[in-house]
Structure formats: structure tokens, C-alpha cells
């Protein structure tokens, strides 16, 4: 059996994202989180990735920022943005 992308083309993957960010994104959830993970997802907010998938921040620490694309830091003010 062929993977869905072979059967249906790139349009299938593009539908998985948001209007401004097509397709899926790969994330490594590491550091002071309860569940370290490597995942491929689409349309999630950073808050959802950290708290729902990563199980939240260890201890009573506050989220300050995250490493983003090369040479970028995602600040707390963008934690609810989808499709980063």
C-alpha cells in the first residue's frame, strides 16, 4: 500500500497546515518539560505543544521563550500563535 501523499499528492499535506503555514512541522520538545517528545504536527499553538504534548513545565517555572527557526526565539507573547 502506498502512503497517502503518493496517492493524493502534495495538496493533501498542504491542507494539514494553516493558511500562512502549509503542511506539517517537526518539533523537538526538550528541556524543562515533563514529557520530552519528537513530533510532527500541524496547526498547533506552542502552548498546546508545551502543555498538552510536553506535559507542562517542570516545577513552578514560568514559560519565558523557546528556540524557534534558526537564530530566532519565540517569546511568551506568541505562545498561542498557531502554525509557528
PDB file of N, CA and C in Angstrom:
ATOM      1  N   UNK A   1       0.840  -1.177   0.000  1.00  0.00           N
ATOM      2  CA  UNK A   1       0.000   0.000   0.000  1.00  0.00           C
ATOM      3  C   UNK A   1       0.886   1.242   0.000  1.00  0.00           C
ATOM      4  N   UNK A   2       0.533   2.219  -0.792  1.00  0.00           N
ATOM      5  CA  UNK A   2       1.312   3.449  -0.894  1.00  0.00           C
ATOM      6  C   UNK A   2       0.878   4.459   0.176  1.00  0.00           C
ATOM      7  N   UNK A   3       1.815   5.295   0.627  1.00  0.00           N
ATOM      8  CA  UNK A   3       1.445   6.337   1.589  1.00  0.00           C
ATOM      9  C   UNK A   3       0.454   7.319   0.957  1.00  0.00           C
ATOM     10  N   UNK A   4      -0.395   7.947   1.775  1.00  0.00           N
ATOM     11  CA  UNK A   4      -1.402   8.875   1.250  1.00  0.00           C
ATOM     12  C   UNK A   4      -0.826   9.996   0.386  1.00  0.00           C
ATOM     13  N   UNK A   5       0.377  10.474   0.697  1.00  0.00           N
ATOM     14  CA  UNK A   5       0.939  11.566  -0.099  1.00  0.00           C
ATOM     15  C   UNK A   5       1.239  11.106  -1.524  1.00  0.00           C
ATOM     16  N   UNK A   6       1.594   9.857  -1.702  1.00  0.00           N
ATOM     17  CA  UNK A   6       1.840   9.312  -3.048  1.00  0.00           C
ATOM     18  C   UNK A   6       0.511   9.177  -3.788  1.00  0.00           C
ATOM     19  N   UNK A   7      -0.503   8.735  -3.089  1.00  0.00           N
ATOM     20  CA  UNK A   7      -1.811   8.523  -3.719  1.00  0.00           C
ATOM     21  C   UNK A   7      -2.543   9.830  -4.034  1.00  0.00           C
ATOM     22  N   UNK A   8      -2.382  10.843  -3.162  1.00  0.00           N
ATOM     23  CA  UNK A   8      -3.181  12.056  -3.298  1.00  0.00           C
ATOM     24  C   UNK A   8      -2.380  13.321  -3.598  1.00  0.00           C
ATOM     25  N   UNK A   9      -1.063  13.251  -3.579  1.00  0.00           N
ATOM     26  CA  UNK A   9      -0.227  14.404  -3.925  1.00  0.00           C
ATOM     27  C   UNK A   9       0.014  15.370  -2.781  1.00  0.00           C
ATOM     28  N   UNK A  10       0.813  16.384  -3.087  1.00  0.00           N
ATOM     29  CA  UNK A  10       1.205  17.368  -2.091  1.00  0.00           C
ATOM     30  C   UNK A  10       0.061  18.182  -1.525  1.00  0.00           C
ATOM     31  N   UNK A  11      -1.033  18.284  -2.255  1.00  0.00           N
ATOM     32  CA  UNK A  11      -2.186  19.050  -1.767  1.00  0.00           C
ATOM     33  C   UNK A  11      -2.712  18.468  -0.457  1.00  0.00           C
ATOM     34  N   UNK A  12      -2.600  17.162  -0.291  1.00  0.00           N
ATOM     35  CA  UNK A  12      -3.053  16.518   0.938  1.00  0.00           C
ATOM     36  C   UNK A  12      -2.258  17.045   2.128  1.00  0.00           C
ATOM     37  N   UNK A  13      -0.953  17.162   1.991  1.00  0.00           N
ATOM     38  CA  UNK A  13      -0.107  17.649   3.079  1.00  0.00           C
ATOM     39  C   UNK A  13      -0.350  19.132   3.316  1.00  0.00           C
ATOM     40  N   UNK A  14      -0.526  19.906   2.255  1.00  0.00           N
ATOM     41  CA  UNK A  14      -0.762  21.336   2.411  1.00  0.00           C
ATOM     42  C   UNK A  14      -2.030  21.628   3.197  1.00  0.00           C
ATOM     43  N   UNK A  15      -3.041  20.809   3.038  1.00  0.00           N
ATOM     44  CA  UNK A  15      -4.294  21.011   3.769  1.00  0.00           C
ATOM     45  C   UNK A  15      -4.114  20.826   5.270  1.00  0.00           C
ATOM     46  N   UNK A  16      -3.053  20.138   5.669  1.00  0.00           N
ATOM     47  CA  UNK A  16      -2.832  19.847   7.078  1.00  0.00           C
ATOM     48  C   UNK A  16      -2.436  21.089   7.881  1.00  0.00           C
ATOM     49  N   UNK A  17      -1.908  22.122   7.250  1.00  0.00           N
ATOM     50  CA  UNK A  17      -1.436  23.303   7.965  1.00  0.00           C
ATOM     51  C   UNK A  17      -2.466  24.399   8.072  1.00  0.00           C
ATOM     52  N   UNK A  18      -1.957  25.602   8.270  1.00  0.00           N
ATOM     53  CA  UNK A  18      -2.811  26.783   8.348  1.00  0.00           C
ATOM     54  C   UNK A  18      -2.683  27.559   7.044  1.00  0.00           C
ATOM     55  N   UNK A  19      -3.438  28.623   6.898  1.00  0.00           N
ATOM     56  CA  UNK A  19      -3.399  29.411   5.666  1.00  0.00           C
ATOM     57  C   UNK A  19      -2.000  29.956   5.380  1.00  0.00           C
ATOM     58  N   UNK A  20      -1.327  30.437   6.411  1.00  0.00           N
ATOM     59  CA  UNK A  20       0.005  31.028   6.232  1.00  0.00           C
ATOM     60  C   UNK A  20       1.143  30.018   6.390  1.00  0.00           C
ATOM     61  N   UNK A  21       0.864  28.851   6.902  1.00  0.00           N
ATOM     62  CA  UNK A  21       1.908  27.859   7.165  1.00  0.00           C
ATOM     63  C   UNK A  21       1.414  26.491   6.698  1.00  0.00           C
ATOM     64  N   UNK A  22       1.645  26.177   5.444  1.00  0.00           N
ATOM     65  CA  UNK A  22       1.131  24.939   4.839  1.00  0.00           C
ATOM     66  C   UNK A  22       1.898  23.711   5.337  1.00  0.00           C
ATOM     67  N   UNK A  23       1.218  22.601   5.388  1.00  0.00           N
ATOM     68  CA  UNK A  23       1.849  21.327   5.711  1.00  0.00           C
ATOM     69  C   UNK A  23       2.080  21.112   7.195  1.00  0.00           C
ATOM     70  N   UNK A  24       2.913  20.127   7.488  1.00  0.00           N
ATOM     71  CA  UNK A  24       3.210  19.775   8.868  1.00  0.00           C
ATOM     72  C   UNK A  24       4.563  20.346   9.274  1.00  0.00           C
ATOM     73  N   UNK A  25       4.810  20.397  10.572  1.00  0.00           N
ATOM     74  CA  UNK A  25       6.071  20.884  11.123  1.00  0.00           C
ATOM     75  C   UNK A  25       6.602  19.835  12.101  1.00  0.00           C
ATOM     76  N   UNK A  26       7.922  19.761  12.186  1.00  0.00           N
ATOM     77  CA  UNK A  26       8.559  18.837  13.115  1.00  0.00           C
ATOM     78  C   UNK A  26       9.025  19.632  14.330  1.00  0.00           C
ATOM     79  N   UNK A  27       8.732  19.121  15.522  1.00  0.00           N
ATOM     80  CA  UNK A  27       9.110  19.773  16.766  1.00  0.00           C
ATOM     81  C   UNK A  27       9.862  18.795  17.655  1.00  0.00           C
ATOM     82  N   UNK A  28      10.875  19.301  18.350  1.00  0.00           N
ATOM     83  CA  UNK A  28      11.547  18.564  19.412  1.00  0.00           C
ATOM     84  C   UNK A  28      11.185  19.282  20.705  1.00  0.00           C
ATOM     85  N   UNK A  29      10.512  18.604  21.595  1.00  0.00           N
ATOM     86  CA  UNK A  29      10.110  19.174  22.868  1.00  0.00           C
ATOM     87  C   UNK A  29      11.107  18.663  23.904  1.00  0.00           C
ATOM     88  N   UNK A  30      11.993  19.545  24.345  1.00  0.00           N
ATOM     89  CA  UNK A  30      13.041  19.163  25.292  1.00  0.00           C
ATOM     90  C   UNK A  30      13.174  20.226  26.372  1.00  0.00           C
ATOM     91  N   UNK A  31      14.078  19.999  27.292  1.00  0.00           N
ATOM     92  CA  UNK A  31      14.332  20.982  28.348  1.00  0.00           C
ATOM     93  C   UNK A  31      13.498  20.709  29.568  1.00  0.00           C
ATOM     94  N   UNK A  32      13.045  21.767  30.217  1.00  0.00           N
ATOM     95  CA  UNK A  32      12.339  21.658  31.493  1.00  0.00           C
ATOM     96  C   UNK A  32      10.856  21.354  31.311  1.00  0.00           C
ATOM     97  N   UNK A  33      10.542  20.323  30.524  1.00  0.00           N
ATOM     98  CA  UNK A  33       9.160  19.868  30.357  1.00  0.00           C
ATOM     99  C   UNK A  33       9.021  18.480  30.959  1.00  0.00           C
ATOM    100  N   UNK A  34       7.798  18.070  31.229  1.00  0.00           N
ATOM    101  CA  UNK A  34       7.572  16.766  31.849  1.00  0.00           C
ATOM    102  C   UNK A  34       7.671  15.601  30.868  1.00  0.00           C
ATOM    103  N   UNK A  35       7.324  15.823  29.596  1.00  0.00           N
ATOM    104  CA  UNK A  35       7.377  14.751  28.597  1.00  0.00           C
ATOM    105  C   UNK A  35       8.224  15.208  27.416  1.00  0.00           C
ATOM    106  N   UNK A  36       9.415  14.690  27.308  1.00  0.00           N
ATOM    107  CA  UNK A  36      10.267  15.017  26.168  1.00  0.00           C
ATOM    108  C   UNK A  36       9.715  14.272  24.956  1.00  0.00           C
ATOM    109  N   UNK A  37       9.623  14.959  23.827  1.00  0.00           N
ATOM    110  CA  UNK A  37       8.993  14.347  22.650  1.00  0.00           C
ATOM    111  C   UNK A  37       9.606  14.875  21.362  1.00  0.00           C
ATOM    112  N   UNK A  38       9.473  14.074  20.315  1.00  0.00           N
ATOM    113  CA  UNK A  38       9.820  14.444  18.944  1.00  0.00           C
ATOM    114  C   UNK A  38       8.553  14.181  18.170  1.00  0.00           C
ATOM    115  N   UNK A  39       7.967  15.229  17.554  1.00  0.00           N
ATOM    116  CA  UNK A  39       6.680  15.015  16.923  1.00  0.00           C
ATOM    117  C   UNK A  39       6.533  15.804  15.636  1.00  0.00           C
ATOM    118  N   UNK A  40       5.596  15.387  14.851  1.00  0.00           N
ATOM    119  CA  UNK A  40       5.239  16.044  13.592  1.00  0.00           C
ATOM    120  C   UNK A  40       3.765  16.406  13.719  1.00  0.00           C
ATOM    121  N   UNK A  41       3.477  17.702  13.644  1.00  0.00           N
ATOM    122  CA  UNK A  41       2.093  18.120  13.821  1.00  0.00           C
ATOM    123  C   UNK A  41       1.791  19.321  12.939  1.00  0.00           C
ATOM    124  N   UNK A  42       0.582  19.800  12.996  1.00  0.00           N
ATOM    125  CA  UNK A  42       0.161  20.923  12.166  1.00  0.00           C
ATOM    126  C   UNK A  42      -0.884  21.742  12.886  1.00  0.00           C
ATOM    127  N   UNK A  43      -0.802  23.055  12.744  1.00  0.00           N
ATOM    128  CA  UNK A  43      -1.826  23.934  13.269  1.00  0.00           C
ATOM    129  C   UNK A  43      -1.908  24.034  14.779  1.00  0.00           C
ATOM    130  N   UNK A  44      -0.954  23.462  15.503  1.00  0.00           N
ATOM    131  CA  UNK A  44      -0.971  23.545  16.964  1.00  0.00           C
ATOM    132  C   UNK A  44      -0.330  24.860  17.411  1.00  0.00           C
ATOM    133  N   UNK A  45      -0.764  25.366  18.548  1.00  0.00           N
ATOM    134  CA  UNK A  45      -0.089  26.510  19.143  1.00  0.00           C
ATOM    135  C   UNK A  45       1.093  25.985  19.954  1.00  0.00           C
ATOM    136  N   UNK A  46       2.048  26.860  20.229  1.00  0.00           N
ATOM    137  CA  UNK A  46       3.179  26.476  21.064  1.00  0.00           C
ATOM    138  C   UNK A  46       2.694  26.081  22.454  1.00  0.00           C
ATOM    139  N   UNK A  47       1.673  26.764  22.945  1.00  0.00           N
ATOM    140  CA  UNK A  47       1.112  26.408  24.261  1.00  0.00           C
ATOM    141  C   UNK A  47       0.611  24.961  24.261  1.00  0.00           C
ATOM    142  N   UNK A  48      -0.085  24.557  23.207  1.00  0.00           N
ATOM    143  CA  UNK A  48      -0.584  23.191  23.104  1.00  0.00           C
ATOM    144  C   UNK A  48       0.566  22.181  23.076  1.00  0.00           C
ATOM    145  N   UNK A  49       1.615  22.506  22.329  1.00  0.00           N
ATOM    146  CA  UNK A  49       2.763  21.591  22.250  1.00  0.00           C
ATOM    147  C   UNK A  49       3.443  21.461  23.610  1.00  0.00           C
ATOM    148  N   UNK A  50       3.638  22.566  24.301  1.00  0.00           N
ATOM    149  CA  UNK A  50       4.332  22.535  25.597  1.00  0.00           C
ATOM    150  C   UNK A  50       3.481  21.894  26.683  1.00  0.00           C
ATOM    151  N   UNK A  51       2.221  22.302  26.780  1.00  0.00           N
ATOM    152  CA  UNK A  51       1.396  21.873  27.913  1.00  0.00           C
ATOM    153  C   UNK A  51       0.614  20.588  27.647  1.00  0.00           C
ATOM    154  N   UNK A  52       0.076  20.401  26.453  1.00  0.00           N
ATOM    155  CA  UNK A  52      -0.705  19.195  26.173  1.00  0.00           C
ATOM    156  C   UNK A  52       0.200  18.016  25.821  1.00  0.00           C
ATOM    157  N   UNK A  53       1.147  18.232  24.933  1.00  0.00           N
ATOM    158  CA  UNK A  53       2.028  17.144  24.495  1.00  0.00           C
ATOM    159  C   UNK A  53       3.229  17.007  25.429  1.00  0.00           C
ATOM    160  N   UNK A  54       3.848  18.150  25.778  1.00  0.00           N
ATOM    161  CA  UNK A  54       5.021  18.129  26.647  1.00  0.00           C
ATOM    162  C   UNK A  54       4.697  17.957  28.117  1.00  0.00           C
ATOM    163  N   UNK A  55       3.430  17.972  28.477  1.00  0.00           N
ATOM    164  CA  UNK A  55       3.045  17.748  29.868  1.00  0.00           C
ATOM    165  C   UNK A  55       3.308  18.931  30.785  1.00  0.00           C
ATOM    166  N   UNK A  56       3.605  20.089  30.220  1.00  0.00           N
ATOM    167  CA  UNK A  56       3.835  21.285  31.023  1.00  0.00           C
ATOM    168  C   UNK A  56       5.289  21.443  31.431  1.00  0.00           C
ATOM    169  N   UNK A  57       5.561  22.560  32.063  1.00  0.00           N
ATOM    170  CA  UNK A  57       6.913  22.891  32.506  1.00  0.00           C
ATOM    171  C   UNK A  57       7.133  22.317  33.900  1.00  0.00           C
ATOM    172  N   UNK A  58       8.305  21.723  34.125  1.00  0.00           N
ATOM    173  CA  UNK A  58       8.619  21.123  35.419  1.00  0.00           C
ATOM    174  C   UNK A  58       8.644  22.166  36.524  1.00  0.00           C
ATOM    175  N   UNK A  59       8.236  21.728  37.706  1.00  0.00           N
ATOM    176  CA  UNK A  59       8.253  22.614  38.858  1.00  0.00           C
ATOM    177  C   UNK A  59       7.258  23.745  38.695  1.00  0.00           C
ATOM    178  N   UNK A  60       7.565  24.862  39.269  1.00  0.00           N
ATOM    179  CA  UNK A  60       6.665  26.020  39.181  1.00  0.00           C
ATOM    180  C   UNK A  60       7.282  27.098  38.312  1.00  0.00           C
ATOM    181  N   UNK A  61       8.061  26.674  37.339  1.00  0.00           N
ATOM    182  CA  UNK A  61       8.701  27.623  36.438  1.00  0.00           C
ATOM    183  C   UNK A  61       7.683  28.242  35.493  1.00  0.00           C
ATOM    184  N   UNK A  62       7.984  29.444  35.042  1.00  0.00           N
ATOM    185  CA  UNK A  62       7.138  30.159  34.092  1.00  0.00           C
ATOM    186  C   UNK A  62       7.763  30.059  32.703  1.00  0.00           C
ATOM    187  N   UNK A  63       6.945  29.928  31.675  1.00  0.00           N
ATOM    188  CA  UNK A  63       7.444  29.910  30.307  1.00  0.00           C
ATOM    189  C   UNK A  63       8.012  31.284  29.968  1.00  0.00           C
ATOM    190  N   UNK A  64       9.237  31.298  29.431  1.00  0.00           N
ATOM    191  CA  UNK A  64       9.881  32.561  29.070  1.00  0.00           C
ATOM    192  C   UNK A  64      10.084  32.680  27.572  1.00  0.00           C
ATOM    193  N   UNK A  65      10.313  31.571  26.895  1.00  0.00           N
ATOM    194  CA  UNK A  65      10.545  31.593  25.456  1.00  0.00           C
ATOM    195  C   UNK A  65      11.003  30.234  24.976  1.00  0.00           C
ATOM    196  N   UNK A  66      11.094  30.082  23.657  1.00  0.00           N
ATOM    197  CA  UNK A  66      11.511  28.820  23.068  1.00  0.00           C
ATOM    198  C   UNK A  66      12.378  29.099  21.849  1.00  0.00           C
ATOM    199  N   UNK A  67      13.280  28.176  21.558  1.00  0.00           N
ATOM    200  CA  UNK A  67      14.071  28.286  20.333  1.00  0.00           C
ATOM    201  C   UNK A  67      13.149  28.043  19.160  1.00  0.00           C
ATOM    202  N   UNK A  68      13.209  28.916  18.181  1.00  0.00           N
ATOM    203  CA  UNK A  68      12.384  28.781  17.001  1.00  0.00           C
ATOM    204  C   UNK A  68      13.226  28.440  15.799  1.00  0.00           C
ATOM    205  N   UNK A  69      12.891  29.006  14.677  1.00  0.00           N
ATOM    206  CA  UNK A  69      13.663  28.804  13.461  1.00  0.00           C
ATOM    207  C   UNK A  69      15.085  29.272  13.713  1.00  0.00           C
ATOM    208  N   UNK A  70      16.018  28.942  12.844  1.00  0.00           N
ATOM    209  CA  UNK A  70      17.409  29.331  13.097  1.00  0.00           C
ATOM    210  C   UNK A  70      17.529  30.803  13.490  1.00  0.00           C
ATOM    211  N   UNK A  71      18.247  31.026  14.576  1.00  0.00           N
ATOM    212  CA  UNK A  71      18.518  32.375  15.106  1.00  0.00           C
ATOM    213  C   UNK A  71      17.269  33.124  15.521  1.00  0.00           C
ATOM    214  N   UNK A  72      16.247  32.429  15.973  1.00  0.00           N
ATOM    215  CA  UNK A  72      15.021  33.090  16.423  1.00  0.00           C
ATOM    216  C   UNK A  72      14.603  32.548  17.778  1.00  0.00           C
ATOM    217  N   UNK A  73      14.028  33.402  18.576  1.00  0.00           N
ATOM    218  CA  UNK A  73      13.452  32.989  19.853  1.00  0.00           C
ATOM    219  C   UNK A  73      11.974  33.343  19.810  1.00  0.00           C
ATOM    220  N   UNK A  74      11.137  32.389  20.207  1.00  0.00           N
ATOM    221  CA  UNK A  74       9.693  32.625  20.245  1.00  0.00           C
ATOM    222  C   UNK A  74       9.367  33.086  21.659  1.00  0.00           C
ATOM    223  N   UNK A  75       8.948  34.335  21.825  1.00  0.00           N
ATOM    224  CA  UNK A  75       8.667  34.861  23.163  1.00  0.00           C
ATOM    225  C   UNK A  75       7.319  34.389  23.699  1.00  0.00           C
ATOM    226  N   UNK A  76       7.112  34.599  24.986  1.00  0.00           N
ATOM    227  CA  UNK A  76       5.869  34.206  25.636  1.00  0.00           C
ATOM    228  C   UNK A  76       4.662  34.878  24.986  1.00  0.00           C
ATOM    229  N   UNK A  77       4.841  36.053  24.423  1.00  0.00           N
ATOM    230  CA  UNK A  77       3.715  36.772  23.811  1.00  0.00           C
ATOM    231  C   UNK A  77       3.145  36.053  22.587  1.00  0.00           C
ATOM    232  N   UNK A  78       3.894  35.105  22.005  1.00  0.00           N
ATOM    233  CA  UNK A  78       3.421  34.366  20.824  1.00  0.00           C
ATOM    234  C   UNK A  78       3.035  32.916  21.144  1.00  0.00           C
ATOM    235  N   UNK A  79       2.946  32.564  22.404  1.00  0.00           N
ATOM    236  CA  UNK A  79       2.716  31.178  22.791  1.00  0.00           C
ATOM    237  C   UNK A  79       1.385  30.610  22.278  1.00  0.00           C
ATOM    238  N   UNK A  80       0.413  31.471  21.985  1.00  0.00           N
ATOM    239  CA  UNK A  80      -0.875  30.987  21.476  1.00  0.00           C
ATOM    240  C   UNK A  80      -1.014  31.078  19.962  1.00  0.00           C
ATOM    241  N   UNK A  81       0.034  31.486  19.263  1.00  0.00           N
ATOM    242  CA  UNK A  81       0.011  31.553  17.805  1.00  0.00           C
ATOM    243  C   UNK A  81       0.031  30.139  17.236  1.00  0.00           C
ATOM    244  N   UNK A  82      -0.830  29.860  16.273  1.00  0.00           N
ATOM    245  CA  UNK A  82      -0.881  28.535  15.645  1.00  0.00           C
ATOM    246  C   UNK A  82      -0.004  28.517  14.409  1.00  0.00           C
ATOM    247  N   UNK A  83       0.600  27.367  14.150  1.00  0.00           N
ATOM    248  CA  UNK A  83       1.362  27.161  12.924  1.00  0.00           C
ATOM    249  C   UNK A  83       2.698  27.888  12.864  1.00  0.00           C
ATOM    250  N   UNK A  84       3.357  28.050  14.001  1.00  0.00           N
ATOM    251  CA  UNK A  84       4.666  28.707  14.005  1.00  0.00           C
ATOM    252  C   UNK A  84       5.672  27.926  13.205  1.00  0.00           C
TER     253      UNK A  84
END
